[in-house]
Protein backbone atom coordinates (compact mmCIF):
# COMPACT_ATOMS: atom_id res chain seq x y z
CA MET A 1 0.00 0.00 0.00
CA ASN A 2 1.45 3.31 -1.13
CA SER A 3 0.24 6.90 -1.38
CA LYS A 4 1.55 10.00 -3.09
CA THR A 5 -0.95 12.29 -1.35
CA LEU A 6 -1.26 11.02 2.24
CA ASN A 7 1.26 10.41 5.02
CA ILE A 8 1.60 6.75 6.02
CA ILE A 9 2.78 6.53 9.63
CA ARG A 10 4.33 3.33 11.01
CA SER A 11 4.85 2.85 14.74
CA GLY A 12 5.71 -0.74 15.56
CA GLU A 13 2.83 -2.86 14.25
CA LEU A 14 0.55 0.19 14.11
CA ILE A 15 0.02 1.79 10.69
CA TYR A 16 -2.20 4.80 10.07
CA PHE A 17 -2.65 7.75 7.71
CA THR A 18 -2.47 11.47 8.36
CA PHE A 19 -3.31 14.28 5.94
CA PRO A 20 -0.51 16.73 5.04
CA LYS A 21 -2.62 19.90 4.90
CA LEU A 22 -4.33 19.12 8.20
CA GLU A 23 -0.93 18.34 9.70
CA LYS A 24 0.42 21.66 8.49
CA THR A 25 -2.21 23.66 10.42
CA GLY A 26 -0.57 22.54 13.67
CA MET A 27 -4.00 22.72 15.29
CA VAL A 28 -5.23 19.13 15.29
CA ARG A 29 -4.42 15.60 16.32
CA HIS A 30 -5.82 13.26 13.73
CA CYS A 31 -5.53 9.96 11.89
CA PHE A 32 -7.25 7.48 9.59
CA THR A 33 -6.67 3.91 10.72
CA THR A 34 -5.74 0.80 8.74
CA ARG A 35 -6.11 -2.90 9.57
CA PHE A 36 -2.73 -2.96 11.35
CA GLY A 37 -1.76 -2.66 14.98
CA GLY A 38 -4.80 -3.94 16.87
CA VAL A 39 -5.87 -7.02 18.80
CA SER A 40 -9.06 -8.11 16.96
CA LYS A 41 -9.17 -11.56 15.38
CA GLY A 42 -10.37 -13.32 12.24
CA CYS A 43 -12.03 -11.20 9.55
CA LEU A 44 -11.87 -8.28 12.01
CA SER A 45 -8.11 -8.55 12.23
CA SER A 46 -6.58 -6.62 13.64
CA MET A 47 -7.56 -2.98 14.09
CA ASN A 48 -11.36 -3.14 14.07
CA MET A 49 -12.77 0.19 15.31
CA ASN A 50 -16.48 -0.69 15.51
CA PHE A 51 -18.37 -2.13 18.47
CA ASN A 52 -21.14 -3.49 16.22
CA ARG A 53 -19.26 -5.93 13.98
CA GLY A 54 -19.37 -8.91 16.38
CA ASP A 55 -16.04 -8.12 18.02
CA GLU A 56 -15.31 -8.44 21.72
CA ARG A 57 -15.91 -5.04 23.29
CA GLU A 58 -12.59 -5.26 25.12
CA ASN A 59 -10.78 -5.68 21.80
CA VAL A 60 -12.29 -2.53 20.32
CA ILE A 61 -11.51 -0.53 23.46
CA LYS A 62 -7.92 -1.76 23.31
CA ASN A 63 -7.69 -0.80 19.64
CA TYR A 64 -8.82 2.74 20.46
CA GLU A 65 -6.39 2.91 23.35
CA LYS A 66 -3.56 1.95 21.02
CA ILE A 67 -4.30 4.45 18.23
CA CYS A 68 -5.26 7.25 20.61
CA GLY A 69 -2.07 6.67 22.56
CA ALA A 70 -0.09 6.99 19.34
CA ILE A 71 -1.62 10.33 18.34
CA GLY A 72 -1.98 11.83 21.81
CA ILE A 73 -5.74 11.67 22.39
CA ASP A 74 -7.45 10.62 25.63
CA THR A 75 -10.08 7.95 24.88
CA ALA A 76 -12.39 9.72 27.36
CA ASN A 77 -12.66 12.52 24.77
CA LEU A 78 -14.05 10.32 21.97
CA VAL A 79 -17.48 11.08 20.48
CA PHE A 80 -19.16 8.48 18.21
CA THR A 81 -22.38 8.30 16.26
CA LYS A 82 -24.46 5.53 14.72
CA GLN A 83 -24.11 6.27 11.00
CA THR A 84 -27.09 5.56 8.75
CA HIS A 85 -26.23 7.32 5.45
CA THR A 86 -28.08 10.53 6.30
CA ASP A 87 -27.02 14.15 5.76
CA ASN A 88 -27.54 14.86 9.46
CA CYS A 89 -24.69 16.71 11.18
CA VAL A 90 -24.63 17.71 14.85
CA ILE A 91 -22.57 20.16 16.88
CA VAL A 92 -20.88 18.49 19.83
CA THR A 93 -19.31 19.90 23.00
CA GLU A 94 -17.58 18.68 26.15
CA LYS A 95 -20.85 17.21 27.46
CA ASP A 96 -20.85 14.75 24.57
CA ARG A 97 -17.49 13.18 25.43
CA GLY A 98 -17.80 9.41 25.73
CA LYS A 99 -20.95 9.14 23.61
CA GLY A 100 -20.86 5.86 21.72
CA PHE A 101 -17.78 4.75 23.66
CA SER A 102 -18.68 4.69 27.34
CA LYS A 103 -22.32 5.81 27.09
CA GLU A 104 -25.16 5.94 24.58
CA GLY A 105 -24.17 7.71 21.38
CA PHE A 106 -25.91 9.71 18.68
CA SER A 107 -28.18 7.89 16.22
CA ASP A 108 -28.95 8.70 12.57
CA VAL A 109 -26.09 11.19 12.42
CA ASP A 110 -23.27 11.04 9.86
CA GLY A 111 -21.39 14.26 10.60
CA LEU A 112 -19.91 15.79 13.75
CA VAL A 113 -18.78 19.41 14.21
CA THR A 114 -17.07 21.12 17.17
CA ASP A 115 -15.07 24.18 18.18
CA ARG A 116 -14.06 22.70 21.55
CA LYS A 117 -10.58 21.49 22.36
CA GLY A 118 -10.35 18.03 23.85
CA VAL A 119 -13.41 16.73 21.98
CA ALA A 120 -12.36 13.98 19.57
CA LEU A 121 -14.68 13.31 16.63
CA VAL A 122 -14.90 9.70 15.41
CA THR A 123 -16.43 8.54 12.13
CA GLN A 124 -16.16 5.00 10.75
CA PHE A 125 -15.60 3.53 7.31
CA ALA A 126 -15.14 0.40 5.20
CA ASP A 127 -15.46 1.81 1.62
CA CYS A 128 -17.51 4.99 2.18
CA THR A 129 -15.80 8.37 1.91
CA PRO A 130 -14.24 10.14 4.90
CA LEU A 131 -14.47 13.94 4.81
CA ILE A 132 -12.54 15.90 7.43
CA PHE A 133 -12.51 19.68 7.82
CA CYS A 134 -10.52 22.19 9.86
CA ASP A 135 -10.78 25.97 9.97
CA PRO A 136 -7.45 27.02 11.50
CA VAL A 137 -8.62 30.63 11.84
CA LYS A 138 -11.77 30.05 13.90
CA GLY A 139 -10.63 26.75 15.43
CA VAL A 140 -13.47 24.56 14.17
CA ILE A 141 -13.34 20.94 12.98
CA ALA A 142 -15.80 18.51 11.39
CA SER A 143 -15.77 14.84 10.44
CA VAL A 144 -18.23 13.30 7.99
CA HIS A 145 -19.20 9.83 6.75
CA SER A 146 -20.26 10.06 3.10
CA GLY A 147 -21.35 6.91 1.29
CA TRP A 148 -23.09 7.23 -2.05
CA ARG A 149 -26.37 8.17 -0.36
CA GLY A 150 -24.71 10.82 1.79
CA THR A 151 -22.88 12.10 -1.27
CA VAL A 152 -26.15 12.43 -3.19
CA LYS A 153 -27.49 14.40 -0.21
CA ARG A 154 -24.30 16.53 -0.20
CA ILE A 155 -23.50 15.92 3.45
CA GLY A 156 -20.07 17.47 2.96
CA LYS A 157 -21.72 20.74 1.97
CA ARG A 158 -23.99 20.49 5.00
CA ALA A 159 -20.98 20.28 7.32
CA VAL A 160 -19.36 23.29 5.65
CA GLU A 161 -22.60 25.27 6.01
CA ILE A 162 -22.69 24.54 9.75
CA MET A 163 -19.08 25.68 10.10
CA ALA A 164 -19.92 28.91 8.27
CA ASN A 165 -23.37 29.65 9.70
CA ASP A 166 -22.94 28.50 13.30
CA PHE A 167 -19.29 29.32 13.89
CA GLY A 168 -18.62 32.19 11.48
CA CYS A 169 -15.99 30.32 9.46
CA ALA A 170 -14.89 31.88 6.19
CA VAL A 171 -15.23 28.95 3.79
CA GLY A 172 -12.06 29.99 1.98
CA ASP A 173 -10.09 29.36 5.20
CA ILE A 174 -11.28 25.76 5.62
CA ILE A 175 -8.79 22.93 5.06
CA ALA A 176 -10.37 19.66 3.92
CA ALA A 177 -9.32 16.04 3.51
CA ILE A 178 -10.94 13.30 1.45
CA GLY A 179 -9.80 10.01 2.93
CA PRO A 180 -9.38 6.46 1.59
CA CYS A 181 -12.55 4.98 0.13
CA ILE A 182 -13.52 2.55 -2.61
CA GLY A 183 -12.13 3.82 -5.89
CA LYS A 184 -13.66 4.19 -9.32
CA CYS A 185 -11.54 1.19 -10.27
CA CYS A 186 -13.67 -1.06 -8.06
CA TYR A 187 -17.01 0.63 -7.35
CA GLU A 188 -19.54 -0.76 -9.78
CA VAL A 189 -23.11 0.52 -9.36
CA ASP A 190 -26.40 0.24 -11.22
CA ASP A 191 -28.97 2.52 -12.84
CA ALA A 192 -30.66 3.27 -9.51
CA VAL A 193 -27.49 4.89 -8.16
CA PHE A 194 -26.80 6.74 -11.42
CA ASP A 195 -30.37 8.05 -11.48
CA ALA A 196 -30.14 9.23 -7.86
CA PHE A 197 -27.12 11.39 -8.69
CA SER A 198 -28.72 12.66 -11.87
CA VAL A 199 -31.99 13.64 -10.15
CA ALA A 200 -29.96 15.39 -7.42
CA GLY A 201 -28.41 17.64 -10.06
CA PHE A 202 -24.90 16.18 -10.28
CA ASP A 203 -22.96 16.40 -13.51
CA THR A 204 -22.74 12.66 -14.03
CA ASP A 205 -20.21 12.68 -16.88
CA PRO A 206 -17.07 13.19 -14.75
CA ILE A 207 -18.04 10.81 -11.95
CA PHE A 208 -19.61 7.86 -13.82
CA THR A 209 -18.13 5.62 -16.51
CA ALA A 210 -20.72 3.48 -18.29
CA LYS A 211 -20.01 -0.26 -18.51
CA GLY A 212 -23.19 -1.17 -20.38
CA ASN A 213 -26.26 -3.14 -19.31
CA GLY A 214 -27.20 -0.48 -16.79
CA HIS A 215 -23.93 -0.62 -14.86
CA TYR A 216 -21.38 2.10 -14.15
CA MET A 217 -18.13 2.73 -12.29
CA LEU A 218 -18.63 5.52 -9.75
CA ASP A 219 -15.88 7.88 -8.58
CA LEU A 220 -16.96 8.73 -5.02
CA THR A 221 -13.76 10.67 -4.35
CA LEU A 222 -14.36 13.03 -7.26
CA ALA A 223 -18.07 13.32 -6.48
CA ASN A 224 -17.29 14.42 -2.93
CA LYS A 225 -14.62 16.82 -4.14
CA HIS A 226 -17.24 18.41 -6.39
CA VAL A 227 -19.62 18.67 -3.41
CA ILE A 228 -17.19 20.48 -1.14
CA VAL A 229 -15.75 22.69 -3.88
CA SER A 230 -19.31 23.73 -4.76
CA ALA A 231 -19.70 24.64 -1.08
CA GLY A 232 -16.84 27.10 -1.48
CA ILE A 233 -13.79 25.08 -0.38
CA ASN A 234 -10.65 26.10 -2.27
CA PRO A 235 -9.40 23.08 -4.27
CA GLU A 236 -5.86 23.99 -3.21
CA ASN A 237 -6.95 23.47 0.42
CA ILE A 238 -7.99 19.83 -0.11
CA ASP A 239 -5.95 16.68 0.50
CA VAL A 240 -7.37 14.01 -1.83
CA SER A 241 -6.65 10.35 -1.11
CA ASP A 242 -5.22 8.19 -3.88
CA VAL A 243 -5.84 4.96 -1.93
CA CYS A 244 -8.65 2.53 -2.83
CA THR A 245 -9.94 0.50 0.10
CA CYS A 246 -11.09 -2.35 -2.17
CA CYS A 247 -7.77 -2.66 -4.03
CA ASN A 248 -5.95 -2.67 -0.69
CA SER A 249 -8.31 -4.93 1.26
CA ASP A 250 -5.41 -6.75 2.93
CA GLU A 251 -4.41 -3.45 4.52
CA LEU A 252 -7.79 -1.69 4.75
CA PHE A 253 -11.28 -2.94 5.54
CA SER A 254 -13.51 -3.08 2.45
CA HIS A 255 -17.17 -4.06 2.56
CA ARG A 256 -17.21 -4.72 -1.18
CA ALA A 257 -14.05 -6.84 -1.23
CA SER A 258 -14.99 -8.91 1.83
CA GLY A 259 -18.66 -9.44 1.07
CA GLY A 260 -19.45 -7.72 4.36
CA LYS A 261 -17.19 -9.90 6.52
CA ARG A 262 -14.98 -7.16 7.84
CA GLY A 263 -14.16 -4.68 10.55
CA THR A 264 -14.25 -0.90 10.32
CA MET A 265 -11.64 1.84 10.12
CA ALA A 266 -11.92 5.18 11.90
CA ALA A 267 -11.18 8.81 11.18
CA ILE A 268 -10.34 10.62 14.42
CA ILE A 269 -9.72 14.35 14.81
CA GLU A 270 -9.37 16.63 17.84
CA LEU A 271 -8.41 20.27 18.27
CA LYS A 272 -5.23 20.74 20.27
């Protein structure tokens, strides 16, 4: 597994990604996990980050302790949500610490936004698109889970609007990262998905390649880049992953490659 656009960090058995432009702000602790460095077993091996994949709870807690220890985050600061492919984003504060980790979490929410230090946003993935935002001027961060349904609903734009409207962020100041997801090389979809994007007003030509018989290859990375650029994000302020989760399913969890027998990776970000 290689990348020309992301940092690949190796610490013993632990391997994770960071995003150069987010790193350069100096304002956040963050990572995107891989399959390496955890204690989970079998098809969840070894760095499963999800409590709902049939793993032992103690294993998942240990996995979070390991990655959070590596990047300098206290696990007591973690905030999770049950993701259901919505465009719902919520603002979180110190009172939400531990939600989804040590107490009941949010439901039907796919984006988290905060301006509070010591509040670590967690979103989870196994082919869907991670979107991470940081305004280094106002000190605001957001983390978003965007599968094809969330992309059609433009959840990335929704997160940017919250940053602008609720926190006064100038959109031109926002740094964004599009993390590893299933690539156009591997993501075959049908007419129903194509039609959903078309009805939602997307320019389908750049993001779909027709295969015939009502099937297409979908570029989720490019679709999400279009979403956040249309929201006002400067393209020069975006780190764009060049890593396909499906092509690299030995190193990254992929729902498509595994037929659903897999763990989950996590994007974690916290203001310093």
